[in-house]
Amino acid sequence: MSTPTVTTGPLRRVPVQGRSVARVQRMLDACAELVDEVGYEGLTTTLLAERAEVAIGSVYQFFPDKRAIVQALAMRNMDAYLQGLSDRFGRETFTHWWDGVDAAIDIFIQMHRTVPGFRTLHFGDVVDVHLLDVERDNNAVIAERLAELLVDQFQLIDRERLRFSLEISVEAADALIKLAFRRDQSGDEAVLTEAKALIREYLHRHVTA
């Protein structure tokens, strides 16, 4: 997976020079570590500056508050997730489009296991269900981007029913994967297996209906 770029949405000032970009990335890395350790409520800009080894003024140079920092991290997570899925679509051949959804679930699970902060933050629901987009739920944003990838990869008809079914699938998978990681720090395999089977069956019925 390629290194995700800095997402500029919540930034007060867009970093241009290499050192500034690296400094912002350090802040986001520090934020990821801290939300796992102390949660969103325990996160402060002072703690973040200390962990990132930057002056507190540098934090406020780029971000107005801790919410904006977490929003930038959530957007970076989304970019990394979609890039990972796009990479997998590029190197594998899937028999059916719901196999692509299965791959999307696999990448989501892998990020829970390997990406600092992701298990706590996901795509920002711990802060605001509209953290990625002011008008739509975070999971709805992910479902729409997934629909775009599937339509492009499998030449599907981009219809309203497809997007609705994917939104239901993303919500169900998200809830069950959270359950799996509450039951077991590494993800309860029995729950994860059932989650994938449930989503596959739901999508299969949608396609054949």
Protein backbone atom coordinates (compact mmCIF):
# COMPACT_ATOMS: atom_id res chain seq x y z
CA MET A 1 0.00 0.00 0.00
CA SER A 2 1.34 3.42 -0.89
CA THR A 3 1.91 5.99 1.83
CA PRO A 4 -1.29 8.01 2.28
CA THR A 5 -1.06 11.70 1.60
CA VAL A 6 -2.05 14.44 4.00
CA THR A 7 -5.73 15.19 3.53
CA THR A 8 -6.23 18.96 3.49
CA GLY A 9 -9.93 19.20 4.51
CA PRO A 10 -9.63 20.16 8.20
CA LEU A 11 -6.23 21.82 7.92
CA ARG A 12 -5.96 25.49 8.86
CA ARG A 13 -2.96 25.84 6.55
CA VAL A 14 -1.86 23.38 3.87
CA PRO A 15 1.75 22.24 4.33
CA VAL A 16 3.85 22.86 1.23
CA GLN A 17 7.47 22.25 2.15
CA GLY A 18 8.68 18.71 2.82
CA ARG A 19 9.48 19.45 6.45
CA SER A 20 6.00 20.85 7.06
CA VAL A 21 4.35 17.81 5.43
CA ALA A 22 6.48 15.51 7.58
CA ARG A 23 5.59 17.50 10.71
CA VAL A 24 1.86 17.17 10.01
CA GLN A 25 2.28 13.45 9.41
CA ARG A 26 4.05 13.15 12.77
CA MET A 27 1.13 14.91 14.43
CA LEU A 28 -1.34 12.49 12.83
CA ASP A 29 0.82 9.51 13.83
CA ALA A 30 0.94 10.83 17.40
CA CYS A 31 -2.82 11.34 17.36
CA ALA A 32 -3.32 7.72 16.24
CA GLU A 33 -1.19 6.43 19.12
CA LEU A 34 -2.84 8.64 21.71
CA VAL A 35 -6.46 7.86 20.82
CA ASP A 36 -5.63 4.18 21.39
CA GLU A 37 -4.00 5.00 24.73
CA VAL A 38 -6.26 7.67 26.23
CA GLY A 39 -9.30 7.86 23.93
CA TYR A 40 -10.67 10.94 22.22
CA GLU A 41 -11.77 12.54 25.48
CA GLY A 42 -8.31 12.16 26.98
CA LEU A 43 -6.56 13.54 23.91
CA THR A 44 -5.24 17.11 24.22
CA THR A 45 -3.20 19.26 21.89
CA THR A 46 -0.51 19.47 24.59
CA LEU A 47 -0.21 15.68 24.76
CA LEU A 48 -0.12 15.50 20.99
CA ALA A 49 2.61 18.13 20.69
CA GLU A 50 4.72 16.28 23.26
CA ARG A 51 4.27 12.91 21.51
CA ALA A 52 4.97 14.36 18.05
CA GLU A 53 7.94 16.31 19.44
CA VAL A 54 6.73 19.60 18.01
CA ALA A 55 6.00 22.96 19.61
CA ILE A 56 2.38 23.55 20.59
CA GLY A 57 2.45 26.53 18.23
CA SER A 58 3.16 24.13 15.35
CA VAL A 59 -0.01 22.21 16.16
CA TYR A 60 -2.14 25.36 16.04
CA GLN A 61 -0.32 26.52 12.93
CA PHE A 62 -2.00 23.69 11.03
CA PHE A 63 -5.04 22.70 13.14
CA PRO A 64 -7.58 24.87 15.00
CA ASP A 65 -8.34 22.21 17.63
CA LYS A 66 -8.11 18.50 18.46
CA ARG A 67 -11.31 17.71 16.55
CA ALA A 68 -9.68 18.92 13.34
CA ILE A 69 -6.65 16.73 14.02
CA VAL A 70 -8.82 13.67 14.53
CA GLN A 71 -10.82 14.58 11.43
CA ALA A 72 -7.61 14.69 9.40
CA LEU A 73 -6.62 11.29 10.83
CA ALA A 74 -10.03 9.83 9.94
CA MET A 75 -9.66 11.11 6.40
CA ARG A 76 -6.17 9.64 6.18
CA ASN A 77 -7.62 6.32 7.34
CA MET A 78 -10.28 6.53 4.64
CA ASP A 79 -7.68 7.29 1.98
CA ALA A 80 -5.52 4.37 3.14
CA TYR A 81 -8.53 2.03 3.19
CA LEU A 82 -9.67 2.96 -0.31
CA GLN A 83 -6.11 2.82 -1.65
CA GLY A 84 -5.66 -0.66 -0.17
CA LEU A 85 -8.91 -1.79 -1.75
CA SER A 86 -8.02 -0.27 -5.11
CA ASP A 87 -4.61 -2.01 -4.99
CA ARG A 88 -6.25 -5.36 -4.24
CA PHE A 89 -8.75 -4.91 -7.06
CA GLY A 90 -5.81 -4.19 -9.34
CA ARG A 91 -3.89 -7.36 -8.56
CA GLU A 92 -6.70 -9.92 -8.06
CA THR A 93 -9.49 -11.27 -10.21
CA PHE A 94 -12.86 -11.72 -8.52
CA THR A 95 -15.59 -14.02 -9.84
CA HIS A 96 -18.46 -11.94 -8.51
CA TRP A 97 -18.82 -8.37 -7.32
CA TRP A 98 -19.73 -9.48 -3.82
CA ASP A 99 -16.26 -11.08 -3.67
CA GLY A 100 -15.02 -7.52 -3.97
CA VAL A 101 -17.11 -6.60 -0.94
CA ASP A 102 -15.58 -9.60 0.86
CA ALA A 103 -12.15 -8.13 0.08
CA ALA A 104 -13.32 -4.77 1.44
CA ILE A 105 -14.24 -6.46 4.72
CA ASP A 106 -10.84 -8.20 4.85
CA ILE A 107 -9.02 -4.88 4.49
CA PHE A 108 -11.21 -3.29 7.17
CA ILE A 109 -10.35 -6.15 9.55
CA GLN A 110 -6.65 -5.90 8.71
CA MET A 111 -6.65 -2.17 9.47
CA HIS A 112 -8.21 -2.93 12.86
CA ARG A 113 -5.26 -5.22 13.55
CA THR A 114 -2.38 -3.20 12.16
CA VAL A 115 -3.14 0.54 11.89
CA PRO A 116 -2.61 2.54 15.11
CA GLY A 117 -5.72 4.38 16.22
CA PHE A 118 -8.04 2.69 13.73
CA ARG A 119 -9.67 0.32 16.20
CA THR A 120 -10.60 3.28 18.39
CA LEU A 121 -11.34 5.89 15.74
CA HIS A 122 -12.46 3.92 12.67
CA PHE A 123 -13.62 6.63 10.26
CA GLY A 124 -14.41 9.11 13.01
CA ASP A 125 -17.65 7.86 14.60
CA VAL A 126 -16.16 8.21 18.09
CA VAL A 127 -16.13 11.97 17.50
CA ASP A 128 -19.00 12.63 15.08
CA VAL A 129 -20.92 10.39 12.68
CA HIS A 130 -20.56 13.24 10.17
CA LEU A 131 -16.82 13.68 10.59
CA LEU A 132 -16.01 12.81 6.95
CA ASP A 133 -18.91 14.76 5.45
CA VAL A 134 -21.20 17.29 7.13
CA GLU A 135 -24.28 15.99 5.30
CA ARG A 136 -23.78 12.20 5.39
CA ASP A 137 -22.88 9.55 7.93
CA ASN A 138 -19.27 8.39 7.82
CA ASN A 139 -20.35 4.87 6.81
CA ALA A 140 -22.50 6.31 4.02
CA VAL A 141 -19.40 8.04 2.62
CA ILE A 142 -17.49 4.74 2.70
CA ALA A 143 -20.41 2.89 1.08
CA GLU A 144 -20.58 5.43 -1.75
CA ARG A 145 -16.86 5.22 -2.44
CA LEU A 146 -17.07 1.41 -2.36
CA ALA A 147 -19.97 1.55 -4.84
CA GLU A 148 -17.88 3.68 -7.19
CA LEU A 149 -15.03 1.15 -7.07
CA LEU A 150 -17.37 -1.80 -7.66
CA VAL A 151 -19.18 -0.11 -10.53
CA ASP A 152 -15.84 0.65 -12.18
CA GLN A 153 -14.28 -2.77 -11.50
CA PHE A 154 -17.25 -5.00 -12.37
CA GLN A 155 -19.13 -2.78 -14.86
CA LEU A 156 -22.19 -2.83 -12.64
CA ILE A 157 -25.22 -0.69 -13.27
CA ASP A 158 -24.88 2.22 -10.85
CA ARG A 159 -28.40 2.17 -9.48
CA GLU A 160 -29.94 3.38 -6.25
CA ARG A 161 -30.66 -0.15 -4.98
CA LEU A 162 -26.97 -1.10 -5.23
CA ARG A 163 -25.88 1.89 -3.17
CA PHE A 164 -28.60 1.27 -0.60
CA SER A 165 -27.57 -2.39 -0.25
CA LEU A 166 -23.93 -1.43 0.19
CA GLU A 167 -24.84 1.12 2.85
CA ILE A 168 -26.73 -1.60 4.76
CA SER A 169 -23.77 -3.96 4.31
CA VAL A 170 -21.24 -1.41 5.57
CA GLU A 171 -23.33 -0.66 8.66
CA ALA A 172 -23.80 -4.36 9.45
CA ALA A 173 -20.15 -5.24 8.87
CA ASP A 174 -18.99 -2.29 10.97
CA ALA A 175 -21.16 -3.31 13.93
CA LEU A 176 -20.14 -6.98 13.79
CA ILE A 177 -16.44 -6.24 13.38
CA LYS A 178 -16.58 -3.93 16.40
CA LEU A 179 -18.20 -6.80 18.31
CA ALA A 180 -15.45 -9.18 17.21
CA PHE A 181 -12.75 -6.87 18.52
CA ARG A 182 -14.57 -6.27 21.78
CA ARG A 183 -14.70 -10.03 22.33
CA ASP A 184 -11.06 -10.61 21.38
CA GLN A 185 -8.23 -8.10 21.02
CA SER A 186 -7.17 -9.74 17.76
CA GLY A 187 -10.74 -10.10 16.48
CA ASP A 188 -12.93 -13.08 17.32
CA GLU A 189 -12.63 -15.28 14.22
CA ALA A 190 -16.02 -16.90 14.74
CA VAL A 191 -17.75 -13.51 14.73
CA LEU A 192 -15.71 -12.29 11.74
CA THR A 193 -16.57 -15.44 9.77
CA GLU A 194 -20.26 -15.00 10.54
CA ALA A 195 -20.09 -11.32 9.58
CA LYS A 196 -18.66 -12.13 6.16
CA ALA A 197 -21.19 -14.94 5.60
CA LEU A 198 -24.07 -12.65 6.59
CA ILE A 199 -23.00 -9.88 4.21
CA ARG A 200 -22.33 -12.32 1.36
CA GLU A 201 -25.78 -13.91 1.77
CA TYR A 202 -27.47 -10.52 1.91
CA LEU A 203 -25.71 -9.31 -1.26
CA HIS A 204 -26.32 -12.61 -3.05
CA ARG A 205 -30.05 -12.28 -2.41
CA HIS A 206 -29.89 -8.70 -3.64
CA VAL A 207 -28.22 -9.70 -6.91
CA THR A 208 -30.48 -12.65 -7.65
CA ALA A 209 -33.70 -10.94 -6.57
